[in-house]
């Protein structure tokens, strides 16, 4: 996957799911083999986004997993919006 597609997918993941930036940052660092540290709690959105883009661009399997999570989040948000429209 090229870097632009990885950035789009990472952006969609960060905005559609309920995962906070420090959680995504910690998760990405664990995927890279690092242990949790105090700095992880202060991670900002751009830190998490940058690591997520690198992991998505590097691994097609990881990218497919993220794409599945984004699809589920989109489907759930559509159901919520439809429920609000009916109510």
N, C-alpha and C. Protein backbone atom coordinates (compact mmCIF):
# COMPACT_ATOMS: atom_id res chain seq x y z
N UNK A 1 0.86 -1.17 0.00
CA UNK A 1 0.00 0.00 0.00
C UNK A 1 0.91 1.23 0.00
N UNK A 2 0.57 2.20 -0.84
CA UNK A 2 1.40 3.41 -0.88
C UNK A 2 1.06 4.32 0.30
N UNK A 3 1.90 5.32 0.52
CA UNK A 3 1.81 6.16 1.71
C UNK A 3 0.52 6.98 1.75
N UNK A 4 0.05 7.43 0.59
CA UNK A 4 -1.18 8.23 0.56
C UNK A 4 -2.39 7.40 0.98
N UNK A 5 -2.49 6.18 0.46
CA UNK A 5 -3.59 5.29 0.86
C UNK A 5 -3.49 4.95 2.35
N UNK A 6 -2.27 4.76 2.84
CA UNK A 6 -2.07 4.47 4.26
C UNK A 6 -2.51 5.65 5.11
N UNK A 7 -2.23 6.87 4.67
CA UNK A 7 -2.65 8.05 5.42
C UNK A 7 -4.16 8.18 5.46
N UNK A 8 -4.81 7.91 4.34
CA UNK A 8 -6.27 8.00 4.29
C UNK A 8 -6.90 6.96 5.21
N UNK A 9 -6.39 5.74 5.17
CA UNK A 9 -6.92 4.68 6.02
C UNK A 9 -6.68 4.99 7.49
N UNK A 10 -5.49 5.48 7.82
CA UNK A 10 -5.19 5.83 9.21
C UNK A 10 -6.08 6.97 9.68
N UNK A 11 -6.33 7.96 8.84
CA UNK A 11 -7.20 9.06 9.21
C UNK A 11 -8.62 8.57 9.47
N UNK A 12 -9.11 7.72 8.59
CA UNK A 12 -10.45 7.17 8.77
C UNK A 12 -10.53 6.36 10.07
N UNK A 13 -9.50 5.58 10.37
CA UNK A 13 -9.48 4.79 11.60
C UNK A 13 -9.50 5.70 12.82
N UNK A 14 -8.67 6.74 12.80
CA UNK A 14 -8.57 7.63 13.96
C UNK A 14 -9.85 8.44 14.17
N UNK A 15 -10.56 8.75 13.10
CA UNK A 15 -11.76 9.58 13.26
C UNK A 15 -13.03 8.77 13.44
N UNK A 16 -13.09 7.56 12.91
CA UNK A 16 -14.33 6.78 12.98
C UNK A 16 -14.43 5.88 14.20
N UNK A 17 -13.32 5.43 14.72
CA UNK A 17 -13.37 4.53 15.87
C UNK A 17 -13.32 5.34 17.15
N UNK A 18 -13.63 4.69 18.25
CA UNK A 18 -13.65 5.39 19.53
C UNK A 18 -12.31 5.30 20.27
N UNK A 19 -11.28 4.89 19.58
CA UNK A 19 -9.95 4.78 20.20
C UNK A 19 -9.32 6.16 20.34
N UNK A 20 -8.81 6.47 21.52
CA UNK A 20 -8.14 7.74 21.76
C UNK A 20 -6.69 7.66 21.28
N UNK A 21 -6.10 8.80 21.03
CA UNK A 21 -4.74 8.86 20.49
C UNK A 21 -3.72 8.14 21.38
N UNK A 22 -3.71 8.34 22.71
CA UNK A 22 -2.73 7.60 23.53
C UNK A 22 -2.90 6.09 23.44
N UNK A 23 -4.15 5.62 23.33
CA UNK A 23 -4.40 4.18 23.20
C UNK A 23 -3.85 3.64 21.88
N UNK A 24 -4.09 4.37 20.79
CA UNK A 24 -3.58 3.96 19.48
C UNK A 24 -2.06 3.98 19.48
N UNK A 25 -1.47 5.00 20.08
CA UNK A 25 -0.01 5.12 20.15
C UNK A 25 0.59 3.93 20.91
N UNK A 26 0.01 3.63 22.09
CA UNK A 26 0.49 2.49 22.89
C UNK A 26 0.37 1.18 22.11
N UNK A 27 -0.77 1.00 21.43
CA UNK A 27 -1.01 -0.21 20.66
C UNK A 27 0.01 -0.35 19.54
N UNK A 28 0.29 0.74 18.82
CA UNK A 28 1.27 0.70 17.72
C UNK A 28 2.66 0.40 18.25
N UNK A 29 3.03 1.00 19.38
CA UNK A 29 4.35 0.73 19.95
C UNK A 29 4.48 -0.73 20.39
N UNK A 30 3.41 -1.29 20.94
CA UNK A 30 3.45 -2.71 21.31
C UNK A 30 3.60 -3.58 20.07
N UNK A 31 2.96 -3.20 18.98
CA UNK A 31 3.10 -3.95 17.72
C UNK A 31 4.56 -3.93 17.24
N UNK A 32 5.26 -2.85 17.54
CA UNK A 32 6.66 -2.73 17.14
C UNK A 32 7.62 -3.36 18.15
N UNK A 33 7.08 -3.91 19.24
CA UNK A 33 7.91 -4.61 20.22
C UNK A 33 8.38 -3.77 21.39
N UNK A 34 7.85 -2.56 21.56
CA UNK A 34 8.25 -1.70 22.68
C UNK A 34 7.34 -1.93 23.87
N UNK A 35 7.90 -1.70 25.06
CA UNK A 35 7.08 -1.79 26.26
C UNK A 35 6.41 -0.44 26.51
N UNK A 36 5.32 -0.47 27.28
CA UNK A 36 4.65 0.78 27.64
C UNK A 36 5.57 1.63 28.50
N UNK A 37 5.48 2.93 28.31
CA UNK A 37 6.26 3.84 29.15
C UNK A 37 5.41 5.08 29.45
N UNK A 38 5.89 5.91 30.33
CA UNK A 38 5.13 7.07 30.77
C UNK A 38 4.82 8.02 29.63
N UNK A 39 5.70 8.16 28.66
CA UNK A 39 5.49 9.08 27.55
C UNK A 39 4.26 8.71 26.73
N UNK A 40 3.92 7.43 26.71
CA UNK A 40 2.77 6.97 25.94
C UNK A 40 1.47 7.63 26.38
N UNK A 41 1.38 7.99 27.65
CA UNK A 41 0.17 8.63 28.16
C UNK A 41 0.01 10.05 27.64
N UNK A 42 1.11 10.66 27.20
CA UNK A 42 1.06 12.04 26.72
C UNK A 42 1.11 12.12 25.19
N UNK A 43 0.92 11.02 24.54
CA UNK A 43 0.97 10.99 23.07
C UNK A 43 -0.16 11.84 22.50
N UNK A 44 0.16 12.59 21.48
CA UNK A 44 -0.86 13.41 20.83
C UNK A 44 -1.32 12.70 19.55
N UNK A 45 -2.35 13.28 18.93
CA UNK A 45 -2.97 12.68 17.76
C UNK A 45 -1.95 12.45 16.66
N UNK A 46 -1.07 13.41 16.42
CA UNK A 46 -0.11 13.28 15.32
C UNK A 46 0.89 12.16 15.56
N UNK A 47 1.26 11.91 16.84
CA UNK A 47 2.16 10.80 17.15
C UNK A 47 1.51 9.46 16.78
N UNK A 48 0.26 9.29 17.22
CA UNK A 48 -0.45 8.05 16.94
C UNK A 48 -0.69 7.89 15.44
N UNK A 49 -1.06 8.96 14.78
CA UNK A 49 -1.32 8.92 13.34
C UNK A 49 -0.06 8.53 12.57
N UNK A 50 1.07 9.12 12.93
CA UNK A 50 2.34 8.81 12.25
C UNK A 50 2.73 7.35 12.37
N UNK A 51 2.63 6.80 13.58
CA UNK A 51 2.96 5.38 13.77
C UNK A 51 1.99 4.47 13.03
N UNK A 52 0.72 4.83 13.06
CA UNK A 52 -0.29 4.02 12.39
C UNK A 52 -0.07 4.00 10.88
N UNK A 53 0.30 5.13 10.31
CA UNK A 53 0.58 5.19 8.86
C UNK A 53 1.74 4.28 8.50
N UNK A 54 2.79 4.31 9.30
CA UNK A 54 3.96 3.47 9.03
C UNK A 54 3.58 1.99 9.07
N UNK A 55 2.83 1.60 10.10
CA UNK A 55 2.44 0.19 10.21
C UNK A 55 1.52 -0.24 9.07
N UNK A 56 0.59 0.62 8.69
CA UNK A 56 -0.32 0.28 7.59
C UNK A 56 0.44 0.17 6.28
N UNK A 57 1.34 1.10 6.02
CA UNK A 57 2.10 1.08 4.76
C UNK A 57 3.04 -0.12 4.69
N UNK A 58 3.52 -0.56 5.85
CA UNK A 58 4.50 -1.65 5.88
C UNK A 58 3.88 -3.03 5.76
N UNK A 59 2.67 -3.22 6.24
CA UNK A 59 2.09 -4.56 6.30
C UNK A 59 0.69 -4.58 5.69
N UNK A 60 0.53 -5.35 4.65
CA UNK A 60 -0.79 -5.51 4.01
C UNK A 60 -1.77 -6.21 4.95
N UNK A 61 -1.28 -7.14 5.76
CA UNK A 61 -2.14 -7.85 6.70
C UNK A 61 -2.68 -6.89 7.75
N UNK A 62 -1.80 -6.05 8.29
CA UNK A 62 -2.21 -5.05 9.27
C UNK A 62 -3.20 -4.06 8.64
N UNK A 63 -2.92 -3.65 7.41
CA UNK A 63 -3.81 -2.72 6.70
C UNK A 63 -5.19 -3.33 6.50
N UNK A 64 -5.23 -4.63 6.19
CA UNK A 64 -6.53 -5.30 6.01
C UNK A 64 -7.32 -5.33 7.31
N UNK A 65 -6.64 -5.56 8.43
CA UNK A 65 -7.30 -5.54 9.73
C UNK A 65 -7.85 -4.17 10.07
N UNK A 66 -7.08 -3.13 9.78
CA UNK A 66 -7.55 -1.76 10.02
C UNK A 66 -8.74 -1.44 9.11
N UNK A 67 -8.66 -1.87 7.86
CA UNK A 67 -9.76 -1.62 6.92
C UNK A 67 -11.05 -2.29 7.40
N UNK A 68 -10.93 -3.51 7.97
CA UNK A 68 -12.11 -4.19 8.52
C UNK A 68 -12.69 -3.40 9.69
N UNK A 69 -11.82 -2.90 10.57
CA UNK A 69 -12.30 -2.12 11.72
C UNK A 69 -12.98 -0.83 11.27
N UNK A 70 -12.44 -0.20 10.23
CA UNK A 70 -13.05 1.03 9.70
C UNK A 70 -14.41 0.71 9.11
N UNK A 71 -14.52 -0.40 8.37
CA UNK A 71 -15.80 -0.78 7.77
C UNK A 71 -16.85 -1.03 8.85
N UNK A 72 -16.48 -1.69 9.93
CA UNK A 72 -17.41 -1.95 11.03
C UNK A 72 -17.83 -0.63 11.68
N UNK A 73 -16.88 0.27 11.90
CA UNK A 73 -17.19 1.56 12.51
C UNK A 73 -18.13 2.38 11.61
N UNK A 74 -17.89 2.33 10.30
CA UNK A 74 -18.78 3.03 9.37
C UNK A 74 -20.18 2.44 9.39
N UNK A 75 -20.26 1.12 9.41
CA UNK A 75 -21.55 0.45 9.44
C UNK A 75 -22.30 0.80 10.73
N UNK A 76 -21.60 0.82 11.86
CA UNK A 76 -22.23 1.15 13.14
C UNK A 76 -22.68 2.61 13.18
N UNK A 77 -21.89 3.50 12.61
CA UNK A 77 -22.28 4.91 12.62
C UNK A 77 -23.49 5.14 11.71
N UNK A 78 -23.57 4.39 10.62
CA UNK A 78 -24.73 4.50 9.72
C UNK A 78 -25.99 4.01 10.42
N UNK A 79 -25.88 2.90 11.16
CA UNK A 79 -27.04 2.39 11.90
C UNK A 79 -27.49 3.41 12.94
N UNK A 80 -26.54 4.05 13.61
CA UNK A 80 -26.89 5.06 14.61
C UNK A 80 -27.59 6.25 13.97
N UNK A 81 -27.09 6.70 12.82
CA UNK A 81 -27.71 7.82 12.14
C UNK A 81 -29.11 7.48 11.65
N UNK A 82 -29.29 6.26 11.15
CA UNK A 82 -30.62 5.83 10.73
C UNK A 82 -31.58 5.76 11.90
N UNK A 83 -31.10 5.30 13.04
CA UNK A 83 -31.92 5.24 14.24
C UNK A 83 -32.36 6.62 14.69
N UNK A 84 -31.48 7.59 14.57
CA UNK A 84 -31.84 8.96 14.95
C UNK A 84 -32.86 9.55 13.97
N UNK A 85 -32.74 9.19 12.71
CA UNK A 85 -33.66 9.73 11.71
C UNK A 85 -35.08 9.18 11.91
N UNK A 86 -35.16 7.92 12.32
CA UNK A 86 -36.47 7.29 12.53
C UNK A 86 -37.13 7.84 13.79
N UNK A 87 -36.31 8.09 14.82
CA UNK A 87 -36.86 8.54 16.13
C UNK A 87 -37.34 9.92 16.11
